[in-house]
Amino acid sequence: MSETSATVSNLPEVADAPAGAPGTVAEAEHAAAHETVLGLDSYAIVGLAFLTFVLILWKVGAFSAILKGLDGQADKVKADLAEAAALKAEAQAMKDKAAADAADAEAQAKATLANAEAEAKRIVQQAAADAEDAIGRRTKLAEDRIAAEARGAEAELRARAADITVKAAEALLAARSKDLAGLTDAAIAGLDRN
């Protein structure tokens, strides 16, 4: 048997104590399993070392440096948040401006379309009026040509009719002049007798 079991067996009054009370078997086993220095076990030594380390850090000023670093980080985060808010406001302003520009462009496009439609109607009406005028002028020109040709044909017809009439009159007069020539000679002869 080891020295630890002998120590535990030498503590009969501790075994009769209620569980969780100071000096229980568990504490005795724990104390037997760990060596002690100056009456302190390893947990107490670690705790004292930690407290000493924290006191050294505090004396050296590490906590103030850590706090300054944290304050610097907080200031940097605040600055980043302020910059992000400014960028967000700028982006919102740009978005609003773009929306206003889009609305203006849409209004201009509608106005341009309305103007184009009105101009197209005006052009169509003007083209119809011009076509009607051109048709009227061409119709008048055609009527004038027809009238001129009719007058020319009528003049030619009259000239031919006059020509035919003159020729017919000549032929008639020639035929009658032969008949009349005999009568004229007889009338002249009859005059001489008288």
Protein backbone atom coordinates (compact mmCIF):
# COMPACT_ATOMS: atom_id res chain seq x y z
CA MET A 1 0.00 0.00 0.00
CA SER A 2 1.09 3.48 -0.63
CA GLU A 3 1.55 6.32 1.77
CA THR A 4 -1.67 7.95 0.59
CA SER A 5 -3.88 5.02 1.55
CA ALA A 6 -2.24 4.89 4.95
CA THR A 7 -2.97 8.57 5.49
CA VAL A 8 -6.62 8.11 4.49
CA SER A 9 -7.03 5.12 6.79
CA ASN A 10 -5.64 7.15 9.68
CA LEU A 11 -8.57 9.57 9.40
CA PRO A 12 -11.55 7.58 10.76
CA GLU A 13 -13.31 10.63 12.13
CA VAL A 14 -13.25 12.28 8.71
CA ALA A 15 -15.06 9.29 7.16
CA ASP A 16 -17.95 9.76 9.56
CA ALA A 17 -18.43 13.45 8.62
CA PRO A 18 -21.29 14.40 6.30
CA ALA A 19 -20.53 14.81 2.56
CA GLY A 20 -19.50 18.32 1.49
CA ALA A 21 -18.27 19.26 4.99
CA PRO A 22 -14.69 20.45 5.40
CA GLY A 23 -12.35 17.61 5.97
CA THR A 24 -14.30 15.01 3.97
CA VAL A 25 -12.79 11.96 2.33
CA ALA A 26 -12.76 13.67 -1.06
CA GLU A 27 -10.70 16.52 0.32
CA ALA A 28 -8.44 14.14 2.03
CA GLU A 29 -7.92 12.18 -1.17
CA HIS A 30 -7.37 15.42 -3.06
CA ALA A 31 -4.85 16.62 -0.51
CA ALA A 32 -3.11 13.27 -0.61
CA ALA A 33 -2.98 13.24 -4.43
CA HIS A 34 -1.45 16.74 -4.71
CA GLU A 35 1.67 17.97 -3.14
CA THR A 36 1.53 21.15 -1.13
CA VAL A 37 4.02 23.95 -0.85
CA LEU A 38 3.80 26.15 2.20
CA GLY A 39 0.48 24.55 2.95
CA LEU A 40 -0.97 25.51 -0.47
CA ASP A 41 -2.03 23.00 -3.05
CA SER A 42 -1.57 23.44 -6.82
CA TYR A 43 -4.92 25.22 -7.29
CA ALA A 44 -4.06 27.83 -4.70
CA ILE A 45 -0.60 28.32 -6.23
CA VAL A 46 -2.11 28.81 -9.70
CA GLY A 47 -4.63 31.29 -8.27
CA LEU A 48 -1.85 33.24 -6.50
CA ALA A 49 0.25 33.23 -9.68
CA PHE A 50 -2.70 34.57 -11.68
CA LEU A 51 -3.35 37.31 -9.12
CA THR A 52 0.34 38.22 -9.15
CA PHE A 53 0.31 38.36 -12.97
CA VAL A 54 -2.76 40.60 -12.96
CA LEU A 55 -1.15 42.91 -10.35
CA ILE A 56 2.03 43.13 -12.44
CA LEU A 57 -0.02 43.98 -15.55
CA TRP A 58 -1.91 46.62 -13.59
CA LYS A 59 1.31 48.16 -12.22
CA VAL A 60 2.96 48.17 -15.63
CA GLY A 61 -0.08 49.94 -17.10
CA ALA A 62 -1.16 47.17 -19.44
CA PHE A 63 -4.81 47.66 -18.53
CA SER A 64 -4.72 51.35 -19.43
CA ALA A 65 -3.01 50.43 -22.73
CA ILE A 66 -5.66 47.79 -23.36
CA LEU A 67 -8.40 50.29 -22.49
CA LYS A 68 -6.78 52.89 -24.76
CA GLY A 69 -6.58 50.31 -27.53
CA LEU A 70 -10.22 49.38 -26.99
CA ASP A 71 -11.18 53.08 -26.93
CA GLY A 72 -9.21 53.57 -30.16
CA GLN A 73 -11.01 50.61 -31.71
CA ALA A 74 -14.34 52.01 -30.49
CA ASP A 75 -13.47 55.41 -31.99
CA LYS A 76 -12.46 53.72 -35.24
CA VAL A 77 -15.72 51.75 -35.29
CA LYS A 78 -17.66 54.98 -34.59
CA ALA A 79 -15.79 56.71 -37.41
CA ASP A 80 -16.46 53.77 -39.73
CA LEU A 81 -20.14 53.85 -38.76
CA ALA A 82 -20.29 57.62 -39.35
CA GLU A 83 -18.57 57.17 -42.73
CA ALA A 84 -20.96 54.34 -43.58
CA ALA A 85 -23.92 56.55 -42.60
CA ALA A 86 -22.52 59.38 -44.75
CA LEU A 87 -22.00 56.96 -47.66
CA LYS A 88 -25.51 55.62 -47.17
CA ALA A 89 -26.92 59.18 -47.18
CA GLU A 90 -24.86 59.98 -50.29
CA ALA A 91 -26.05 56.78 -51.98
CA GLN A 92 -29.65 57.61 -51.05
CA ALA A 93 -29.21 61.11 -52.47
CA MET A 94 -27.74 59.63 -55.67
CA LYS A 95 -30.61 57.15 -55.83
CA ASP A 96 -33.15 59.95 -55.37
CA LYS A 97 -31.39 62.06 -58.02
CA ALA A 98 -31.32 59.10 -60.40
CA ALA A 99 -35.03 58.51 -59.78
CA ALA A 100 -35.74 62.20 -60.42
CA ASP A 101 -33.61 62.10 -63.58
CA ALA A 102 -35.45 58.99 -64.73
CA ALA A 103 -38.79 60.69 -64.09
CA ASP A 104 -37.62 63.78 -66.01
CA ALA A 105 -36.38 61.61 -68.87
CA GLU A 106 -39.68 59.76 -68.95
CA ALA A 107 -41.62 63.05 -68.96
CA GLN A 108 -39.38 64.38 -71.75
CA ALA A 109 -39.84 61.14 -73.71
CA LYS A 110 -43.63 61.44 -73.34
CA ALA A 111 -43.52 65.09 -74.41
CA THR A 112 -41.29 64.23 -77.37
CA LEU A 113 -43.62 61.40 -78.35
CA ALA A 114 -46.65 63.70 -78.10
CA ASN A 115 -44.85 66.34 -80.19
CA ALA A 116 -43.84 63.71 -82.73
CA GLU A 117 -47.41 62.44 -82.98
CA ALA A 118 -48.74 66.00 -83.41
CA GLU A 119 -46.06 66.73 -86.02
CA ALA A 120 -46.88 63.48 -87.84
CA LYS A 121 -50.59 64.42 -87.89
CA ARG A 122 -49.70 67.89 -89.17
CA ILE A 123 -47.46 66.41 -91.87
CA VAL A 124 -50.17 63.95 -92.92
CA GLN A 125 -52.75 66.76 -93.07
CA GLN A 126 -50.33 68.98 -94.99
CA ALA A 127 -49.51 66.13 -97.38
CA ALA A 128 -53.24 65.48 -97.93
CA ALA A 129 -53.84 69.20 -98.57
CA ASP A 130 -50.81 69.37 -100.89
CA ALA A 131 -51.98 66.25 -102.73
CA GLU A 132 -55.46 67.73 -103.05
CA ASP A 133 -53.99 70.99 -104.37
CA ALA A 134 -51.76 69.09 -106.79
CA ILE A 135 -54.71 67.01 -107.99
CA GLY A 136 -56.75 70.21 -108.40
CA ARG A 137 -53.93 71.89 -110.36
CA ARG A 138 -53.40 68.84 -112.55
CA THR A 139 -57.14 68.50 -113.10
CA LYS A 140 -57.35 72.20 -114.04
CA LEU A 141 -54.31 71.82 -116.30
CA ALA A 142 -55.85 68.76 -117.93
CA GLU A 143 -59.17 70.57 -118.34
CA ASP A 144 -57.35 73.58 -119.82
CA ARG A 145 -55.50 71.31 -122.25
CA ILE A 146 -58.68 69.55 -123.18
CA ALA A 147 -60.42 72.91 -123.68
CA ALA A 148 -57.46 74.19 -125.76
CA GLU A 149 -57.45 71.05 -127.85
CA ALA A 150 -61.23 71.30 -128.23
CA ARG A 151 -60.87 74.93 -129.33
CA GLY A 152 -58.09 73.90 -131.72
CA ALA A 153 -60.18 71.05 -133.07
CA GLU A 154 -63.20 73.36 -133.36
CA ALA A 155 -61.10 75.97 -135.20
CA GLU A 156 -59.69 73.28 -137.46
CA LEU A 157 -63.18 71.93 -138.02
CA ARG A 158 -64.49 75.40 -138.83
CA ALA A 159 -61.55 75.99 -141.15
CA ARG A 160 -62.26 72.70 -142.93
CA ALA A 161 -65.95 73.46 -142.99
CA ALA A 162 -65.22 76.89 -144.44
CA ASP A 163 -62.85 75.32 -146.93
CA ILE A 164 -65.45 72.73 -147.90
CA THR A 165 -68.09 75.45 -148.07
CA VAL A 166 -65.87 77.61 -150.25
CA LYS A 167 -65.05 74.67 -152.53
CA ALA A 168 -68.70 73.69 -152.69
CA ALA A 169 -69.65 77.29 -153.41
CA GLU A 170 -66.98 77.46 -156.09
CA ALA A 171 -68.18 74.21 -157.62
CA LEU A 172 -71.76 75.40 -157.44
CA LEU A 173 -70.85 78.77 -158.85
CA ALA A 174 -68.81 77.15 -161.58
CA ALA A 175 -71.76 74.93 -162.49
CA ARG A 176 -74.17 77.80 -162.37
CA SER A 177 -71.84 80.14 -164.16
CA LYS A 178 -71.96 77.81 -167.17
CA ASP A 179 -75.71 77.91 -167.03
CA LEU A 180 -75.68 81.61 -166.44
CA ALA A 181 -73.10 82.21 -169.13
CA GLY A 182 -75.63 81.12 -171.73
CA LEU A 183 -78.29 83.30 -170.13
CA THR A 184 -75.93 86.18 -169.86
CA ASP A 185 -74.97 85.91 -173.48
CA ALA A 186 -78.65 85.76 -174.42
CA ALA A 187 -79.41 88.74 -172.18
CA ILE A 188 -76.59 90.71 -173.73
CA ALA A 189 -77.76 89.76 -177.18
CA GLY A 190 -81.26 90.73 -176.21
CA LEU A 191 -80.01 94.09 -175.11
CA ASP A 192 -78.27 94.71 -178.31
CA ARG A 193 -81.50 94.18 -180.20
CA ASN A 194 -83.29 96.69 -178.36
